[in-house]
Amino acid sequence: MSAQITELIDKQDTAEIVRDQIASILRVELSNQETLADDANKDPRLWKLRIFSERANAWEQYLGAPDQDTDDATPLVNVAFDRDAFDEKRSDIFERQATRATFHLDCYGYGQSADDGGSGHVAGDGKAALEAQRTMRLVRNVLMSAHYRYLGMRGTVWRRWPVSRQMFRPRLEDKPIQNIVGARLSLEVDFSEFSPQFTPTTLEYLSVTFKRESDGQVLLTTDYDFS
């Protein structure tokens, strides 16, 4: 064997960093939206979302039928890497591989059936669908803000774009769950992956402590610079 890699491969791929960056942006900005809503004398709970990463069934916490006005009924977002495809024409065989990745942002809403104050009732599945759509609206508006045209990773990320929105119902034992509805925003991101011998561009984030609870919920502290 004529050559060996002389350094330990002890790094994340850019796809993993971008996934965590998306979750971080949502966590920071939606917390800020709660503060802005409170300052505007609006109910901050309408901007309260819980952010998860790589969870297939974060919605399970709704199965205990929590009261609609409790934190356990708060809408959820799960950020997950789905797939990517490398572009040979924009890459080289030594240092950098250009790729376009798809990330799924699954937004879950929960609803309880209730009397409407008249002769009828509000269906729980209808309320859940509206909550899922409202959550997806917040997520899209945050990520497509001009502040995040490169997801805070200019020099590594070149483009982010929402490619589709789709409603779905989680299933349990192959049956749809009545009071839980999902809305999927699929986001394409173009970026570079780097080989071990090449030092990638420094990200715009100065300091990020990314924390994930045992259930996949994202908690973090961050300090970043858009200069």
Protein backbone atom coordinates (compact mmCIF):
# COMPACT_ATOMS: atom_id res chain seq x y z
CA MET A 1 0.00 0.00 0.00
CA SER A 2 1.57 3.25 -1.16
CA ALA A 3 -0.30 5.75 1.05
CA GLN A 4 -2.36 5.95 4.19
CA ILE A 5 -4.59 8.56 5.78
CA THR A 6 -2.43 10.00 8.56
CA GLU A 7 -5.10 11.82 10.53
CA LEU A 8 -8.00 10.46 12.57
CA ILE A 9 -11.35 10.85 10.83
CA ASP A 10 -13.10 12.44 13.77
CA LYS A 11 -15.60 14.86 12.28
CA GLN A 12 -19.21 15.16 11.24
CA ASP A 13 -20.19 15.21 7.60
CA THR A 14 -21.71 18.48 6.45
CA ALA A 15 -25.10 16.76 6.06
CA GLU A 16 -25.15 16.10 9.81
CA ILE A 17 -24.05 19.66 10.58
CA VAL A 18 -26.75 21.11 8.32
CA ARG A 19 -29.42 18.95 10.00
CA ASP A 20 -28.33 20.19 13.43
CA GLN A 21 -28.12 23.76 12.12
CA ILE A 22 -31.72 23.63 10.91
CA ALA A 23 -32.87 22.37 14.31
CA SER A 24 -30.79 25.04 16.06
CA ILE A 25 -32.23 27.85 13.95
CA LEU A 26 -35.78 26.72 14.67
CA ARG A 27 -35.12 26.38 18.39
CA VAL A 28 -33.55 29.84 18.69
CA GLU A 29 -35.96 31.72 16.45
CA LEU A 30 -39.18 30.19 17.77
CA SER A 31 -38.12 30.93 21.34
CA ASN A 32 -37.54 34.50 20.20
CA GLN A 33 -40.97 34.56 18.57
CA GLU A 34 -42.54 33.68 21.92
CA THR A 35 -40.84 36.72 23.44
CA LEU A 36 -41.97 38.96 20.57
CA ALA A 37 -45.54 37.68 20.90
CA ASP A 38 -45.54 38.40 24.63
CA ASP A 39 -44.23 41.92 23.96
CA ALA A 40 -47.05 42.40 21.43
CA ASN A 41 -49.65 41.25 24.01
CA LYS A 42 -50.40 38.09 22.06
CA ASP A 43 -50.57 34.55 23.40
CA PRO A 44 -46.95 33.27 23.20
CA ARG A 45 -48.20 29.67 23.27
CA LEU A 46 -49.17 30.08 19.60
CA TRP A 47 -45.47 30.34 18.79
CA LYS A 48 -44.30 27.60 21.17
CA LEU A 49 -43.00 24.52 19.38
CA ARG A 50 -40.89 21.60 20.52
CA ILE A 51 -38.05 20.70 18.17
CA PHE A 52 -36.75 17.14 17.76
CA SER A 53 -34.03 15.60 15.64
CA GLU A 54 -34.10 12.19 13.93
CA ARG A 55 -37.17 10.87 15.75
CA ALA A 56 -39.54 8.57 13.89
CA ASN A 57 -42.32 8.80 16.44
CA ALA A 58 -42.01 12.00 18.48
CA TRP A 59 -45.82 12.18 18.31
CA GLU A 60 -46.16 9.26 20.74
CA GLN A 61 -46.45 11.72 23.63
CA TYR A 62 -49.91 12.63 22.29
CA LEU A 63 -51.17 9.08 22.80
CA GLY A 64 -51.98 9.81 26.45
CA ALA A 65 -54.67 12.26 25.24
CA PRO A 66 -53.27 15.33 27.02
CA ASP A 67 -55.50 18.32 27.71
CA GLN A 68 -55.45 20.76 24.80
CA ASP A 69 -54.16 23.65 26.93
CA THR A 70 -51.18 21.83 28.46
CA ASP A 71 -47.55 21.73 27.33
CA ASP A 72 -47.97 18.06 26.43
CA ALA A 73 -50.27 19.15 23.58
CA THR A 74 -47.68 21.58 22.13
CA PRO A 75 -47.02 21.09 18.38
CA LEU A 76 -43.84 19.21 17.46
CA VAL A 77 -41.27 19.46 14.68
CA ASN A 78 -38.86 16.66 13.82
CA VAL A 79 -35.84 17.46 11.61
CA ALA A 80 -34.43 14.50 9.69
CA PHE A 81 -31.92 13.93 6.89
CA ASP A 82 -33.56 11.96 4.09
CA ARG A 83 -31.16 11.62 1.15
CA ASP A 84 -28.72 13.44 -1.10
CA ALA A 85 -27.18 13.15 -4.56
CA PHE A 86 -23.63 14.16 -5.45
CA ASP A 87 -22.90 16.38 -8.44
CA GLU A 88 -19.70 15.23 -10.13
CA LYS A 89 -19.51 18.29 -12.39
CA ARG A 90 -19.30 20.68 -9.44
CA SER A 91 -16.92 18.50 -7.44
CA ASP A 92 -13.34 17.33 -7.57
CA ILE A 93 -11.83 13.96 -6.74
CA PHE A 94 -9.38 15.34 -4.15
CA GLU A 95 -11.06 17.74 -1.73
CA ARG A 96 -14.69 18.64 -2.18
CA GLN A 97 -17.86 16.83 -3.21
CA ALA A 98 -20.86 19.00 -4.05
CA THR A 99 -24.23 17.55 -3.12
CA ARG A 100 -27.92 18.40 -2.92
CA ALA A 101 -29.63 17.00 0.16
CA THR A 102 -33.27 16.69 1.18
CA PHE A 103 -34.29 17.22 4.79
CA HIS A 104 -37.78 16.43 6.05
CA LEU A 105 -39.30 18.75 8.63
CA ASP A 106 -42.29 16.83 9.98
CA CYS A 107 -44.71 19.06 11.88
CA TYR A 108 -47.27 17.39 14.15
CA GLY A 109 -50.50 18.85 15.47
CA TYR A 110 -52.78 17.39 18.13
CA GLY A 111 -56.48 18.10 18.63
CA GLN A 112 -59.21 17.09 21.06
CA SER A 113 -62.86 17.03 20.10
CA ALA A 114 -64.84 19.63 22.04
CA ASP A 115 -68.22 21.35 22.15
CA ASP A 116 -68.37 24.47 20.03
CA GLY A 117 -70.65 26.27 22.48
CA GLY A 118 -73.68 25.57 20.34
CA SER A 119 -75.37 22.46 19.07
CA GLY A 120 -72.31 20.80 17.59
CA HIS A 121 -68.67 20.07 18.32
CA VAL A 122 -65.22 20.79 16.95
CA ALA A 123 -63.64 17.62 15.54
CA GLY A 124 -60.26 16.74 17.01
CA ASP A 125 -58.76 15.63 13.71
CA GLY A 126 -59.72 18.92 12.06
CA LYS A 127 -58.08 20.91 14.84
CA ALA A 128 -54.98 18.70 14.62
CA ALA A 129 -54.69 19.36 10.88
CA LEU A 130 -54.94 23.12 11.39
CA GLU A 131 -52.29 22.94 14.13
CA ALA A 132 -49.95 20.94 11.88
CA GLN A 133 -50.40 23.44 9.04
CA ARG A 134 -49.84 26.40 11.37
CA THR A 135 -46.65 24.77 12.63
CA MET A 136 -45.41 24.14 9.08
CA ARG A 137 -46.16 27.79 8.26
CA LEU A 138 -43.95 28.98 11.13
CA VAL A 139 -41.15 26.60 10.16
CA ARG A 140 -41.18 27.66 6.50
CA ASN A 141 -41.23 31.37 7.35
CA VAL A 142 -38.26 31.03 9.70
CA LEU A 143 -36.08 28.98 7.34
CA MET A 144 -36.92 31.05 4.25
CA SER A 145 -36.21 34.34 6.00
CA ALA A 146 -33.53 36.42 4.27
CA HIS A 147 -31.49 36.08 7.48
CA TYR A 148 -31.04 32.38 6.72
CA ARG A 149 -30.48 32.31 2.96
CA TYR A 150 -27.35 30.24 3.64
CA LEU A 151 -28.61 28.75 6.92
CA GLY A 152 -25.87 30.69 8.71
CA MET A 153 -23.24 28.61 6.89
CA ARG A 154 -22.19 30.87 4.02
CA GLY A 155 -19.23 29.43 2.15
CA THR A 156 -20.40 25.87 2.78
CA VAL A 157 -24.14 26.09 2.03
CA TRP A 158 -25.01 27.67 -1.34
CA ARG A 159 -28.78 27.27 -1.48
CA ARG A 160 -31.83 26.20 0.50
CA TRP A 161 -35.25 25.79 -1.05
CA PRO A 162 -38.63 24.30 -0.01
CA VAL A 163 -39.55 21.67 -2.60
CA SER A 164 -42.85 20.29 -1.31
CA ARG A 165 -45.50 20.29 1.42
CA GLN A 166 -47.56 17.23 2.21
CA MET A 167 -50.14 16.30 4.84
CA PHE A 168 -50.14 12.82 6.40
CA ARG A 169 -51.52 10.87 9.35
CA PRO A 170 -49.21 8.92 11.66
CA ARG A 171 -50.16 5.27 11.94
CA LEU A 172 -50.16 2.94 14.93
CA GLU A 173 -50.43 -0.78 14.30
CA ASP A 174 -51.14 0.07 10.66
CA LYS A 175 -54.13 2.25 11.55
CA PRO A 176 -54.27 6.07 11.30
CA ILE A 177 -54.45 7.90 14.62
CA GLN A 178 -57.51 10.12 14.78
CA ASN A 179 -56.32 13.09 16.83
CA ILE A 180 -52.79 13.50 15.40
CA VAL A 181 -52.01 14.96 11.96
CA GLY A 182 -48.64 15.56 10.34
CA ALA A 183 -47.47 18.11 7.77
CA ARG A 184 -44.14 17.52 6.00
CA LEU A 185 -42.03 20.35 4.62
CA SER A 186 -39.24 18.98 2.42
CA LEU A 187 -36.25 21.30 2.22
CA GLU A 188 -33.44 20.98 -0.33
CA VAL A 189 -30.00 22.24 0.66
CA ASP A 190 -26.93 22.47 -1.59
CA PHE A 191 -23.57 22.22 0.17
CA SER A 192 -20.11 20.70 0.04
CA GLU A 193 -18.77 17.62 1.73
CA PHE A 194 -15.02 17.69 2.38
CA SER A 195 -12.34 15.03 2.37
CA PRO A 196 -10.24 14.52 5.54
CA GLN A 197 -7.13 16.21 4.15
CA PHE A 198 -8.98 19.45 3.37
CA THR A 199 -9.95 22.09 5.92
CA PRO A 200 -13.46 23.36 5.10
CA THR A 201 -14.61 26.97 5.22
CA THR A 202 -15.20 28.30 8.73
CA LEU A 203 -18.91 28.48 9.49
CA GLU A 204 -20.57 31.75 10.44
CA TYR A 205 -21.58 30.36 13.82
CA LEU A 206 -19.03 31.37 16.43
CA SER A 207 -20.17 29.00 19.14
CA VAL A 208 -22.91 26.39 19.28
CA THR A 209 -23.57 23.89 22.02
CA PHE A 210 -26.02 21.42 20.48
CA LYS A 211 -27.81 19.31 23.06
CA ARG A 212 -30.27 16.50 22.41
CA GLU A 213 -32.39 14.96 25.16
CA SER A 214 -32.80 11.20 25.38
CA ASP A 215 -36.18 11.54 23.61
CA GLY A 216 -34.63 13.47 20.72
CA GLN A 217 -35.82 16.93 21.75
CA VAL A 218 -33.36 19.67 20.80
CA LEU A 219 -31.99 21.99 23.47
CA LEU A 220 -29.09 24.31 22.78
CA THR A 221 -27.18 27.44 23.52
CA THR A 222 -25.75 29.45 20.67
CA ASP A 223 -23.83 32.57 19.78
CA TYR A 224 -23.53 33.49 16.12
CA ASP A 225 -22.44 36.26 13.81
CA PHE A 226 -23.95 37.36 10.49
CA SER A 227 -21.22 39.83 9.56
